[in-house]
Amino acid sequence: MKLSIIVIFIFGLCLQGQAQEVETPDILVTGKAEIEVMPDSFKIVGGLTSRGKSRPDVLKDLSQRIDKVRGIIPSLEGLETVEIRTNEIAIYSIRQEGCDTEAFLSGYSEATYPDDCSPKEEYAGVTVTIIGSPVAQAGNTLSLASEIGFDSLEIDEFIVSNSQEHANEAERQAMRDALNRANRLAS
């Protein structure tokens, strides 16, 4: 009986010693997934400007142009959703050459300041962003905005509205791919 206990004990020590010497390797398995998603919205960015003799006239004209955009764009046939945003309006006076020179403003003594520096013209501008769907209407919306009288226009980007849902699906596919790779390694 003592022999069997000693053998078991020695066997246990051998196993314990082997366990300390042999490290279990870690195997990392990565999964990949790629999904293609069609954008469902578009973003058009454009500028509206107005010039005139007085600030009130320029602001009134610019306001009317913004109202025109807000009235016409949403009624475009085939456009399902539309959001129109404007940013801050930039307003400044246009003066004759030399009135706003950097040399005069920085105080150089050689700078000559013209006698009449009253504004020759007033200017106001605003950036307008149009976000709409479906994507198929981006070109028609751009064309209509051009007809309304934007000074500059571009399709800024195409948007996938529910990107988190698509990211979650890609993650699920990547996990399935990693599991398949791990099973192939294990077999």
Protein backbone atom coordinates (compact mmCIF):
# COMPACT_ATOMS: atom_id res chain seq x y z
CA MET A 1 0.00 0.00 0.00
CA LYS A 2 2.79 2.34 0.71
CA LEU A 3 4.14 1.67 -2.76
CA SER A 4 1.02 2.71 -4.49
CA ILE A 5 0.79 5.88 -2.46
CA ILE A 6 4.38 6.73 -3.27
CA VAL A 7 3.85 6.08 -6.98
CA ILE A 8 0.81 8.24 -7.04
CA PHE A 9 2.66 10.90 -5.15
CA ILE A 10 5.64 10.74 -7.50
CA PHE A 11 3.35 10.75 -10.49
CA GLY A 12 1.66 13.80 -9.10
CA LEU A 13 5.02 15.49 -8.62
CA CYS A 14 6.06 14.63 -12.15
CA LEU A 15 2.89 16.07 -13.55
CA GLN A 16 3.28 19.14 -11.42
CA GLY A 17 6.88 19.54 -12.58
CA GLN A 18 5.90 19.11 -16.20
CA ALA A 19 3.12 21.61 -15.87
CA GLN A 20 5.61 24.18 -14.65
CA GLU A 21 8.07 23.52 -17.47
CA VAL A 22 5.62 23.39 -20.40
CA GLU A 23 3.64 26.55 -21.00
CA THR A 24 0.40 26.30 -22.84
CA PRO A 25 0.70 28.44 -25.98
CA ASP A 26 -1.90 31.08 -26.63
CA ILE A 27 -3.31 31.18 -30.11
CA LEU A 28 -4.98 34.37 -31.24
CA VAL A 29 -7.53 34.10 -33.97
CA THR A 30 -8.83 37.16 -35.78
CA GLY A 31 -11.91 37.41 -37.86
CA LYS A 32 -12.57 39.68 -40.78
CA ALA A 33 -15.74 41.00 -42.27
CA GLU A 34 -16.50 43.51 -44.94
CA ILE A 35 -19.94 44.70 -45.79
CA GLU A 36 -21.03 47.08 -48.47
CA VAL A 37 -23.73 49.54 -47.63
CA MET A 38 -25.43 51.92 -49.99
CA PRO A 39 -25.72 55.43 -48.60
CA ASP A 40 -29.27 56.54 -47.99
CA SER A 41 -28.80 60.32 -47.73
CA PHE A 42 -26.75 63.10 -49.27
CA LYS A 43 -25.40 66.41 -48.11
CA ILE A 44 -25.13 69.41 -50.42
CA VAL A 45 -23.28 72.53 -49.29
CA GLY A 46 -23.64 75.85 -51.05
CA GLY A 47 -23.25 79.54 -50.58
CA LEU A 48 -25.76 82.32 -50.95
CA THR A 49 -24.50 85.89 -51.15
CA SER A 50 -25.97 89.30 -51.61
CA ARG A 51 -24.45 92.71 -52.42
CA GLY A 52 -26.06 96.10 -52.22
CA LYS A 53 -25.80 99.69 -51.10
CA SER A 54 -27.01 99.24 -47.51
CA ARG A 55 -26.82 96.50 -44.90
CA PRO A 56 -30.60 96.35 -44.37
CA ASP A 57 -31.12 95.86 -48.12
CA VAL A 58 -28.44 93.17 -48.32
CA LEU A 59 -29.79 91.30 -45.29
CA LYS A 60 -33.36 91.53 -46.58
CA ASP A 61 -32.28 90.13 -49.97
CA LEU A 62 -30.30 87.32 -48.34
CA SER A 63 -33.21 86.47 -46.06
CA GLN A 64 -35.55 86.28 -49.07
CA ARG A 65 -33.11 83.99 -50.88
CA ILE A 66 -32.92 81.68 -47.84
CA ASP A 67 -36.73 81.63 -47.61
CA LYS A 68 -36.89 80.77 -51.31
CA VAL A 69 -34.57 77.80 -50.77
CA ARG A 70 -36.65 76.63 -47.79
CA GLY A 71 -39.83 76.96 -49.83
CA ILE A 72 -38.73 75.32 -53.08
CA ILE A 73 -36.26 72.53 -52.18
CA PRO A 74 -38.66 70.52 -49.93
CA SER A 75 -41.25 70.46 -52.72
CA LEU A 76 -38.89 68.67 -55.16
CA GLU A 77 -40.69 65.61 -56.49
CA GLY A 78 -39.12 62.37 -55.25
CA LEU A 79 -37.38 63.96 -52.28
CA GLU A 80 -38.54 62.00 -49.22
CA THR A 81 -36.72 63.86 -46.45
CA VAL A 82 -34.95 67.20 -46.39
CA GLU A 83 -33.28 69.30 -43.75
CA ILE A 84 -31.97 72.78 -44.55
CA ARG A 85 -29.44 74.40 -42.24
CA THR A 86 -27.79 77.78 -42.38
CA ASN A 87 -24.73 78.88 -40.48
CA GLU A 88 -23.81 82.35 -39.25
CA ILE A 89 -24.20 85.13 -41.75
CA ALA A 90 -21.03 86.98 -42.67
CA ILE A 91 -21.55 90.70 -43.22
CA TYR A 92 -18.95 93.23 -44.20
CA SER A 93 -18.45 96.49 -46.02
CA ILE A 94 -16.57 96.74 -49.28
CA ARG A 95 -14.48 99.89 -49.35
CA GLN A 96 -12.22 101.45 -51.94
CA GLU A 97 -8.72 100.09 -52.32
CA GLY A 98 -6.38 101.21 -49.58
CA CYS A 99 -8.99 101.63 -46.87
CA ASP A 100 -8.55 98.15 -45.44
CA THR A 101 -4.87 97.61 -46.17
CA GLU A 102 -2.82 95.68 -43.70
CA ALA A 103 -0.21 98.46 -43.68
CA PHE A 104 -2.76 101.05 -42.55
CA LEU A 105 -4.35 98.80 -39.98
CA SER A 106 -1.00 97.84 -38.46
CA GLY A 107 -0.07 101.53 -38.01
CA TYR A 108 2.88 101.96 -40.37
CA SER A 109 3.68 105.67 -40.73
CA GLU A 110 4.21 105.35 -44.52
CA ALA A 111 0.65 104.16 -45.03
CA THR A 112 -1.65 106.61 -46.69
CA TYR A 113 -5.32 106.44 -45.96
CA PRO A 114 -7.68 107.53 -48.75
CA ASP A 115 -9.87 110.56 -48.07
CA ASP A 116 -13.16 108.75 -48.69
CA CYS A 117 -13.33 105.37 -46.96
CA SER A 118 -17.07 105.14 -46.64
CA PRO A 119 -18.48 101.78 -47.75
CA LYS A 120 -18.94 101.49 -51.50
CA GLU A 121 -21.00 98.35 -51.16
CA GLU A 122 -22.27 95.96 -48.48
CA TYR A 123 -21.87 92.20 -48.67
CA ALA A 124 -23.57 89.34 -46.83
CA GLY A 125 -23.06 85.63 -47.27
CA VAL A 126 -24.27 82.43 -45.68
CA THR A 127 -23.45 78.75 -46.11
CA VAL A 128 -26.49 76.54 -46.61
CA THR A 129 -26.44 72.79 -46.00
CA ILE A 130 -29.12 70.59 -47.51
CA ILE A 131 -29.39 67.04 -46.19
CA GLY A 132 -31.85 64.88 -48.05
CA SER A 133 -32.89 61.44 -49.16
CA PRO A 134 -33.04 59.28 -51.16
CA VAL A 135 -29.58 59.43 -52.68
CA ALA A 136 -31.07 59.16 -56.17
CA GLN A 137 -32.37 62.73 -55.73
CA ALA A 138 -28.96 64.30 -55.02
CA GLY A 139 -28.44 65.40 -58.62
CA ASN A 140 -31.95 66.82 -58.98
CA THR A 141 -31.58 68.69 -55.69
CA LEU A 142 -28.23 70.10 -56.78
CA SER A 143 -29.71 71.18 -60.10
CA LEU A 144 -32.70 72.86 -58.45
CA ALA A 145 -30.46 74.63 -55.94
CA SER A 146 -28.39 75.92 -58.86
CA GLU A 147 -31.52 77.27 -60.54
CA ILE A 148 -32.52 79.04 -57.32
CA GLY A 149 -29.29 81.02 -57.48
CA PHE A 150 -26.63 79.56 -55.22
CA ASP A 151 -23.23 81.12 -55.80
CA SER A 152 -21.40 77.85 -55.13
CA LEU A 153 -22.63 74.28 -54.75
CA GLU A 154 -21.17 70.85 -54.16
CA ILE A 155 -22.30 67.44 -53.08
CA ASP A 156 -20.30 67.30 -49.87
CA GLU A 157 -20.90 63.68 -48.91
CA PHE A 158 -23.15 60.67 -49.09
CA ILE A 159 -24.37 59.43 -45.73
CA VAL A 160 -25.29 56.08 -44.22
CA SER A 161 -27.84 57.16 -41.63
CA ASN A 162 -27.91 54.06 -39.44
CA SER A 163 -24.21 53.27 -39.51
CA GLN A 164 -24.24 51.64 -36.06
CA GLU A 165 -26.62 48.93 -37.26
CA HIS A 166 -24.26 48.15 -40.15
CA ALA A 167 -21.22 48.22 -37.85
CA ASN A 168 -22.94 45.72 -35.57
CA GLU A 169 -23.64 43.43 -38.54
CA ALA A 170 -19.99 43.63 -39.64
CA GLU A 171 -18.91 42.77 -36.10
CA ARG A 172 -21.23 39.73 -36.05
CA GLN A 173 -19.78 38.56 -39.38
CA ALA A 174 -16.22 39.07 -38.10
CA MET A 175 -17.02 36.99 -34.99
CA ARG A 176 -18.42 34.18 -37.17
CA ASP A 177 -15.27 34.34 -39.31
CA ALA A 178 -13.02 34.16 -36.21
CA LEU A 179 -15.01 31.20 -34.85
CA ASN A 180 -14.72 29.36 -38.20
CA ARG A 181 -10.96 29.97 -38.26
CA ALA A 182 -10.60 28.76 -34.66
CA ASN A 183 -12.59 25.60 -35.44
CA ARG A 184 -10.37 24.89 -38.46
CA LEU A 185 -7.26 25.28 -36.29
CA ALA A 186 -8.71 23.04 -33.59
CA SER A 187 -9.53 20.27 -36.02
